[in-house]
Amino acid sequence: MLVWTEPMPSSGTGRVMVRVHTPIGSAAAVWRGEPHDVAGRHHIEWTVEDDIR
């Protein structure tokens, strides 16, 4: 899915969090890519935990 991402303020956990904007809304997510690639347009795959499904 093509999305647009933007960095979120640091939470102090050491994880890089991003706001992911999609055609149907936005969500906060952990960034698993290279830190210098956080902001921009990306093709991504979603992993959804069982308790969310």
N, C-alpha and C. Protein backbone atom coordinates (compact mmCIF):
# COMPACT_ATOMS: atom_id res chain seq x y z
N MET A 1 0.84 -1.16 0.00
CA MET A 1 0.00 0.00 0.00
C MET A 1 0.90 1.23 0.00
N LEU A 2 0.58 2.20 -0.83
CA LEU A 2 1.33 3.45 -0.86
C LEU A 2 0.80 4.36 0.24
N VAL A 3 1.70 4.80 1.12
CA VAL A 3 1.33 5.67 2.23
C VAL A 3 2.31 6.84 2.30
N TRP A 4 1.96 7.82 3.11
CA TRP A 4 2.84 8.94 3.41
C TRP A 4 3.12 8.87 4.90
N THR A 5 4.39 8.95 5.31
CA THR A 5 4.75 8.86 6.72
C THR A 5 5.42 10.15 7.18
N GLU A 6 5.24 10.42 8.48
CA GLU A 6 5.92 11.55 9.10
C GLU A 6 6.35 11.13 10.50
N PRO A 7 7.51 11.59 10.95
CA PRO A 7 7.99 11.20 12.27
C PRO A 7 7.13 11.79 13.38
N MET A 8 7.02 11.05 14.47
CA MET A 8 6.32 11.53 15.66
C MET A 8 7.37 11.89 16.71
N PRO A 9 7.01 12.71 17.68
CA PRO A 9 7.98 13.04 18.74
C PRO A 9 8.47 11.77 19.44
N SER A 10 9.72 11.81 19.89
CA SER A 10 10.31 10.67 20.58
C SER A 10 9.55 10.35 21.85
N SER A 11 9.31 9.05 22.08
CA SER A 11 8.58 8.62 23.28
C SER A 11 9.54 8.18 24.38
N GLY A 12 10.84 8.20 24.11
CA GLY A 12 11.82 7.79 25.10
C GLY A 12 12.01 6.29 25.20
N THR A 13 11.33 5.51 24.33
CA THR A 13 11.44 4.05 24.38
C THR A 13 12.54 3.53 23.47
N GLY A 14 13.10 4.39 22.64
CA GLY A 14 14.11 3.96 21.69
C GLY A 14 13.53 3.51 20.37
N ARG A 15 12.19 3.37 20.30
CA ARG A 15 11.54 2.99 19.04
C ARG A 15 11.20 4.25 18.26
N VAL A 16 11.35 4.19 16.95
CA VAL A 16 10.98 5.31 16.09
C VAL A 16 9.51 5.15 15.73
N MET A 17 8.70 6.12 16.12
CA MET A 17 7.27 6.10 15.83
C MET A 17 6.97 7.06 14.69
N VAL A 18 6.03 6.66 13.85
CA VAL A 18 5.61 7.49 12.72
C VAL A 18 4.09 7.58 12.68
N ARG A 19 3.61 8.64 12.06
CA ARG A 19 2.19 8.77 11.73
C ARG A 19 2.10 8.34 10.28
N VAL A 20 1.27 7.33 10.01
CA VAL A 20 1.10 6.78 8.67
C VAL A 20 -0.23 7.27 8.12
N HIS A 21 -0.19 7.94 6.99
CA HIS A 21 -1.40 8.47 6.35
C HIS A 21 -1.74 7.59 5.15
N THR A 22 -2.97 7.07 5.13
CA THR A 22 -3.45 6.22 4.04
C THR A 22 -4.70 6.86 3.43
N PRO A 23 -5.19 6.32 2.33
CA PRO A 23 -6.42 6.85 1.74
C PRO A 23 -7.64 6.71 2.65
N ILE A 24 -7.59 5.81 3.65
CA ILE A 24 -8.75 5.62 4.51
C ILE A 24 -8.56 6.15 5.93
N GLY A 25 -7.46 6.79 6.20
CA GLY A 25 -7.21 7.35 7.53
C GLY A 25 -5.75 7.31 7.90
N SER A 26 -5.46 7.59 9.17
CA SER A 26 -4.07 7.57 9.62
C SER A 26 -3.96 6.78 10.91
N ALA A 27 -2.73 6.37 11.20
CA ALA A 27 -2.46 5.57 12.40
C ALA A 27 -1.03 5.80 12.83
N ALA A 28 -0.76 5.54 14.11
CA ALA A 28 0.60 5.56 14.62
C ALA A 28 1.17 4.16 14.48
N ALA A 29 2.46 4.07 14.14
CA ALA A 29 3.10 2.77 13.95
C ALA A 29 4.58 2.86 14.29
N VAL A 30 5.16 1.70 14.59
CA VAL A 30 6.60 1.62 14.80
C VAL A 30 7.28 1.57 13.44
N TRP A 31 8.29 2.40 13.23
CA TRP A 31 9.04 2.42 11.98
C TRP A 31 10.11 1.34 12.03
N ARG A 32 10.13 0.46 11.05
CA ARG A 32 11.11 -0.63 10.99
C ARG A 32 12.16 -0.42 9.90
N GLY A 33 12.09 0.68 9.20
CA GLY A 33 13.04 0.95 8.12
C GLY A 33 14.23 1.76 8.61
N GLU A 34 14.99 2.24 7.67
CA GLU A 34 16.15 3.07 7.98
C GLU A 34 15.68 4.39 8.58
N PRO A 35 16.30 4.86 9.65
CA PRO A 35 15.86 6.10 10.31
C PRO A 35 15.83 7.32 9.39
N HIS A 36 16.76 7.40 8.42
CA HIS A 36 16.79 8.57 7.54
C HIS A 36 15.68 8.54 6.48
N ASP A 37 14.94 7.43 6.39
CA ASP A 37 13.85 7.30 5.42
C ASP A 37 12.46 7.51 6.02
N VAL A 38 12.39 7.97 7.26
CA VAL A 38 11.10 8.05 7.96
C VAL A 38 10.06 8.88 7.21
N ALA A 39 10.40 10.09 6.84
CA ALA A 39 9.41 10.98 6.21
C ALA A 39 9.36 10.75 4.71
N GLY A 40 8.13 10.64 4.18
CA GLY A 40 7.98 10.53 2.74
C GLY A 40 6.93 9.52 2.33
N ARG A 41 6.93 9.20 1.06
CA ARG A 41 6.00 8.21 0.50
C ARG A 41 6.69 6.86 0.45
N HIS A 42 5.95 5.83 0.85
CA HIS A 42 6.52 4.49 0.90
C HIS A 42 5.46 3.46 0.54
N HIS A 43 5.90 2.38 -0.09
CA HIS A 43 5.06 1.20 -0.25
C HIS A 43 5.34 0.33 0.97
N ILE A 44 4.31 -0.01 1.73
CA ILE A 44 4.51 -0.75 2.97
C ILE A 44 3.62 -1.99 3.02
N GLU A 45 3.97 -2.89 3.93
CA GLU A 45 3.13 -4.03 4.28
C GLU A 45 2.69 -3.82 5.71
N TRP A 46 1.45 -4.12 6.01
CA TRP A 46 0.92 -4.00 7.36
C TRP A 46 1.01 -5.33 8.08
N THR A 47 1.35 -5.30 9.35
CA THR A 47 1.25 -6.46 10.24
C THR A 47 0.25 -6.08 11.31
N VAL A 48 -0.83 -6.84 11.40
CA VAL A 48 -1.90 -6.54 12.36
C VAL A 48 -1.96 -7.69 13.35
N GLU A 49 -1.87 -7.37 14.64
CA GLU A 49 -1.93 -8.38 15.69
C GLU A 49 -3.32 -9.00 15.77
N ASP A 50 -3.40 -10.23 16.27
CA ASP A 50 -4.68 -10.94 16.35
C ASP A 50 -5.73 -10.20 17.16
N ASP A 51 -5.34 -9.52 18.23
CA ASP A 51 -6.34 -8.83 19.06
C ASP A 51 -6.95 -7.61 18.36
N ILE A 52 -6.35 -7.15 17.27
CA ILE A 52 -6.89 -6.02 16.50
C ILE A 52 -7.85 -6.50 15.43
N ARG A 53 -7.59 -7.68 14.90
CA ARG A 53 -8.42 -8.21 13.80
C ARG A 53 -9.80 -8.38 14.30
